[in-house]
Protein backbone atom coordinates (compact mmCIF):
# COMPACT_ATOMS: atom_id res chain seq x y z
CA MET A 1 -20.54 32.16 2.08
CA PHE A 2 -20.29 35.38 4.08
CA SER A 3 -19.68 33.63 7.39
CA ARG A 4 -16.87 34.19 9.88
CA LYS A 5 -15.27 30.87 8.88
CA TRP A 6 -15.56 31.64 5.15
CA PHE A 7 -13.82 35.00 5.55
CA PHE A 8 -10.97 33.73 7.74
CA ASP A 9 -10.44 30.79 5.38
CA LEU A 10 -9.95 33.30 2.55
CA ASP A 11 -7.57 35.33 4.70
CA SER A 12 -5.56 32.20 5.56
CA GLN A 13 -5.35 31.05 1.94
CA LEU A 14 -4.03 34.43 0.81
CA ARG A 15 -1.44 34.50 3.58
CA ALA A 16 -0.34 30.94 2.81
CA ARG A 17 0.24 31.95 -0.83
CA GLY A 18 2.18 35.07 0.13
CA LEU A 19 -0.55 37.29 -1.32
CA ASP A 20 -1.31 39.22 1.86
CA SER A 21 -0.60 42.75 0.64
CA ASP A 22 -1.81 45.81 -1.21
CA ALA A 23 0.53 48.80 -1.06
CA GLN A 24 1.23 47.48 2.46
CA SER A 25 1.07 44.07 4.07
CA PHE A 26 -2.27 42.86 5.44
CA ASP A 27 -0.89 43.21 8.98
CA ASP A 28 0.19 46.81 8.36
CA ILE A 29 -3.16 47.64 6.77
CA LEU A 30 -5.04 46.20 9.75
CA LYS A 31 -2.81 47.98 12.27
CA ASN A 32 -3.26 51.30 10.47
CA LEU A 33 -7.04 50.89 10.27
CA LYS A 34 -7.24 50.20 13.99
CA SER A 35 -5.03 53.17 14.86
CA ARG A 36 -4.67 55.66 11.98
CA LYS A 37 -1.11 56.73 11.37
CA ILE A 38 -0.42 60.38 10.52
CA TYR A 39 1.86 60.38 7.48
CA HIS A 40 4.36 63.10 6.63
CA ALA A 41 4.17 64.84 3.26
CA ASP A 42 6.55 62.53 1.38
CA GLU A 43 4.66 59.44 2.56
CA PHE A 44 1.33 61.03 1.72
CA ALA A 45 2.52 61.76 -1.82
CA GLY A 46 3.86 58.22 -2.10
CA HIS A 47 0.46 56.78 -1.28
CA CYS A 48 -1.12 59.06 -3.87
CA ALA A 49 1.39 57.92 -6.49
CA TYR A 50 0.70 54.26 -5.75
CA VAL A 51 -3.07 54.41 -6.26
CA ILE A 52 -2.60 56.46 -9.43
CA LEU A 53 -0.28 53.78 -10.79
CA ALA A 54 -2.39 50.86 -9.57
CA GLY A 55 -5.36 51.65 -11.81
CA GLY A 56 -5.25 49.26 -14.76
CA PHE A 57 -2.17 47.34 -13.59
CA SER A 58 -1.53 44.27 -11.51
CA GLN A 59 -0.42 44.91 -7.96
CA GLN A 60 2.98 43.36 -8.69
CA THR A 61 3.55 45.66 -11.66
CA ALA A 62 2.31 48.73 -9.80
CA LYS A 63 4.68 48.07 -6.90
CA LYS A 64 7.71 47.74 -9.18
CA ILE A 65 6.92 50.94 -11.08
CA HIS A 66 6.07 52.77 -7.86
CA GLU A 67 9.43 51.93 -6.29
CA LYS A 68 11.30 53.24 -9.33
CA ILE A 69 9.23 56.43 -9.47
CA MET A 70 9.67 57.12 -5.77
CA ASN A 71 13.44 56.71 -6.13
CA VAL A 72 13.44 59.39 -8.84
CA LEU A 73 11.20 61.71 -6.81
CA HIS A 74 13.42 61.42 -3.74
CA GLY A 75 16.63 61.75 -5.76
CA PHE A 76 15.76 64.30 -8.43
CA GLY A 77 12.36 65.76 -7.56
CA ALA A 78 9.39 65.92 -9.93
CA ASP A 79 11.43 65.56 -13.13
CA PHE A 80 8.80 64.82 -15.78
CA ASN A 81 11.33 63.71 -18.40
CA LEU A 82 12.98 61.19 -16.10
CA LEU A 83 9.64 59.84 -14.89
CA ILE A 84 8.16 59.47 -18.37
CA GLU A 85 11.09 57.22 -19.28
CA LEU A 86 10.03 54.90 -16.46
CA PHE A 87 6.30 55.07 -17.08
CA ASN A 88 5.00 56.26 -20.43
CA ASN A 89 1.66 57.74 -19.36
CA LYS A 90 1.69 61.52 -19.58
CA ASN A 91 -1.52 62.06 -17.59
CA LYS A 92 -0.46 59.90 -14.67
CA VAL A 93 3.12 61.18 -14.60
CA SER A 94 1.89 64.78 -14.74
CA ALA A 95 -0.47 64.09 -11.82
CA ILE A 96 2.28 62.48 -9.77
CA CYS A 97 4.55 65.47 -10.44
CA LYS A 98 1.85 67.93 -9.35
CA ILE A 99 1.19 66.01 -6.17
CA TRP A 100 4.89 65.74 -5.34
CA GLU A 101 5.50 69.45 -5.95
CA ASN A 102 2.54 70.39 -3.73
CA ARG A 103 2.78 67.51 -1.27
CA CYS A 104 3.21 69.64 1.85
CA ASP A 105 0.12 71.73 1.13
CA PHE A 106 -1.96 68.71 0.06
CA CYS A 107 -0.94 66.72 3.13
CA ASP A 108 -1.54 69.60 5.54
CA GLU A 109 -4.96 70.36 4.09
CA TYR A 110 -6.01 66.72 4.27
CA TYR A 111 -5.15 66.37 7.96
CA LYS A 112 -6.83 69.68 8.85
CA LEU A 113 -10.22 68.27 7.86
CA GLU A 114 -12.18 66.85 10.77
CA SER A 115 -14.78 64.56 9.19
CA LEU A 116 -14.25 61.49 7.04
CA ASP A 117 -16.64 62.83 4.38
CA GLU A 118 -14.61 66.03 4.13
CA ARG A 119 -11.36 64.10 3.79
CA LEU A 120 -12.81 61.80 1.11
CA GLY A 121 -14.16 64.81 -0.79
CA TYR A 122 -10.75 66.45 -0.60
CA LEU A 123 -8.90 63.39 -1.92
CA GLN A 124 -11.29 63.20 -4.89
CA LYS A 125 -10.08 66.64 -5.98
CA LEU A 126 -6.40 65.71 -6.12
CA PRO A 127 -4.85 65.23 -9.59
CA HIS A 128 -6.01 61.98 -11.24
CA ILE A 129 -7.87 60.81 -8.11
CA GLY A 130 -11.53 60.03 -8.75
CA LYS A 131 -14.24 58.77 -6.41
CA ILE A 132 -13.29 55.08 -6.37
CA THR A 133 -9.55 55.79 -6.33
CA ALA A 134 -10.11 58.26 -3.46
CA ASN A 135 -11.52 55.43 -1.35
CA HIS A 136 -8.53 53.24 -2.18
CA LEU A 137 -6.18 56.07 -1.21
CA ALA A 138 -8.12 56.83 1.96
CA ARG A 139 -8.01 53.18 2.99
CA ASN A 140 -4.24 53.11 2.49
CA LEU A 141 -4.02 56.26 4.63
CA GLY A 142 -5.81 54.45 7.46
CA GLU A 143 -9.41 55.48 6.89
CA ASP A 144 -11.89 52.66 7.50
CA VAL A 145 -13.52 52.82 4.07
CA VAL A 146 -13.97 50.43 1.17
CA LYS A 147 -13.15 50.69 -2.53
CA TYR A 148 -16.34 50.03 -4.46
CA ASP A 149 -14.64 48.54 -7.49
CA ILE A 150 -16.52 46.36 -9.97
CA TRP A 151 -15.65 43.08 -8.25
CA ILE A 152 -16.82 44.28 -4.86
CA GLN A 153 -19.99 45.63 -6.44
CA ARG A 154 -20.73 42.25 -8.01
CA LEU A 155 -20.07 40.46 -4.72
CA GLY A 156 -22.46 42.84 -2.96
CA CYS A 157 -25.12 41.80 -5.47
CA VAL A 158 -24.45 38.16 -4.61
CA PHE A 159 -24.86 38.97 -0.91
CA VAL A 160 -28.34 40.46 -1.39
CA GLY A 161 -29.27 37.87 -4.01
CA LYS A 162 -29.96 40.33 -6.82
CA ASP A 163 -28.25 40.50 -10.22
CA MET A 164 -28.35 44.30 -10.49
CA PRO A 165 -26.86 46.29 -13.41
CA ILE A 166 -23.42 47.67 -12.59
CA ASP A 167 -21.85 50.77 -14.08
CA ASN A 168 -18.30 50.98 -12.74
CA GLY A 169 -18.09 54.65 -13.69
CA ASN A 170 -21.25 55.54 -11.78
CA LEU A 171 -21.87 53.64 -8.54
CA SER A 172 -25.62 53.20 -8.16
CA ALA A 173 -27.31 53.77 -4.81
CA ASP A 174 -28.82 50.26 -4.82
CA VAL A 175 -25.50 48.53 -5.52
CA LYS A 176 -23.69 50.66 -2.92
CA ALA A 177 -26.38 49.77 -0.37
CA ALA A 178 -25.90 46.08 -1.17
CA CYS A 179 -22.13 46.40 -0.65
CA ASP A 180 -22.62 48.33 2.58
CA ASP A 181 -25.00 45.64 3.86
CA MET A 182 -22.41 42.99 3.03
CA PHE A 183 -19.63 44.84 4.83
CA ALA A 184 -21.82 45.56 7.88
CA HIS A 185 -22.64 41.84 8.08
CA LEU A 186 -18.98 40.80 7.84
CA VAL A 187 -17.94 43.39 10.42
CA ARG A 188 -20.42 41.75 12.82
CA GLU A 189 -19.17 38.28 11.87
CA THR A 190 -15.44 38.99 12.14
CA GLY A 191 -15.03 42.05 14.39
CA LEU A 192 -12.65 43.50 11.80
CA PRO A 193 -12.65 46.97 10.16
CA ARG A 194 -14.50 47.36 6.85
CA GLY A 195 -11.32 48.48 5.14
CA TYR A 196 -9.53 45.25 6.04
CA ILE A 197 -12.46 43.10 4.96
CA ASP A 198 -12.46 44.99 1.66
CA VAL A 199 -8.82 44.28 0.85
CA VAL A 200 -9.16 40.57 1.69
CA LEU A 201 -12.30 40.21 -0.44
CA TRP A 202 -10.75 42.18 -3.31
CA LYS A 203 -7.62 40.04 -3.36
CA SER A 204 -9.69 36.85 -3.05
CA LEU A 205 -11.78 37.90 -6.05
CA GLN A 206 -8.67 38.82 -8.02
CA GLN A 207 -7.11 35.43 -7.26
CA LYS A 208 -10.37 33.61 -8.08
CA LEU A 209 -10.77 32.21 -4.58
CA ILE A 210 -14.31 33.59 -4.95
CA SER A 211 -16.21 33.06 -8.20
CA VAL A 212 -18.88 35.75 -8.47
CA ASP A 213 -20.21 34.36 -11.78
CA ALA A 214 -20.79 30.95 -10.24
CA CYS A 215 -22.51 32.51 -7.22
CA LEU A 216 -24.82 34.63 -9.38
CA HIS A 217 -25.69 31.60 -11.50
CA THR A 218 -26.48 29.59 -8.39
CA ASN A 219 -28.72 32.35 -7.08
């Protein structure tokens, strides 16, 4: 595990199965991470809406709902009543409406910030965007960051050979360090951005191409 060949085998298997996507295709994600695109306000809000919807849903479901919601936003604006008919989650719909209504200001403020840490901190303050979701959003906006979700945390523990306690609501310093060590190693092995490695590993874990439980048991 954790070799150049292992990673590119995972990448190839996902592509062969037609699973090479998040909000964007793997190729688009990689292109954007290598040369960050500057999105206009509508696109920025669309990316925010996607990561808000993606929490707790399969990617396939999130994409379908996202397309319908974006059609309403573009056609009728932030109409809460129309949106709630499509997606019955008041908190998420309210957040999407707030972001759409303020998309120009939110987008402008984000791109004014010079450092990655500042931009990540800013995204965390947007409606319904927490720390982990902020990293997902930042990655989709072309920032070379990773989303420390529970699967990635567990894989990081496998990499360092330690079965450490994981609290998905509170990323521990030791688990984060393990994940960062894993990503640094794979960047050296593959020459690819961390953000791209993250999405391939996440999808491989989701599709059970990697079994973390088996790896931990072996260790």
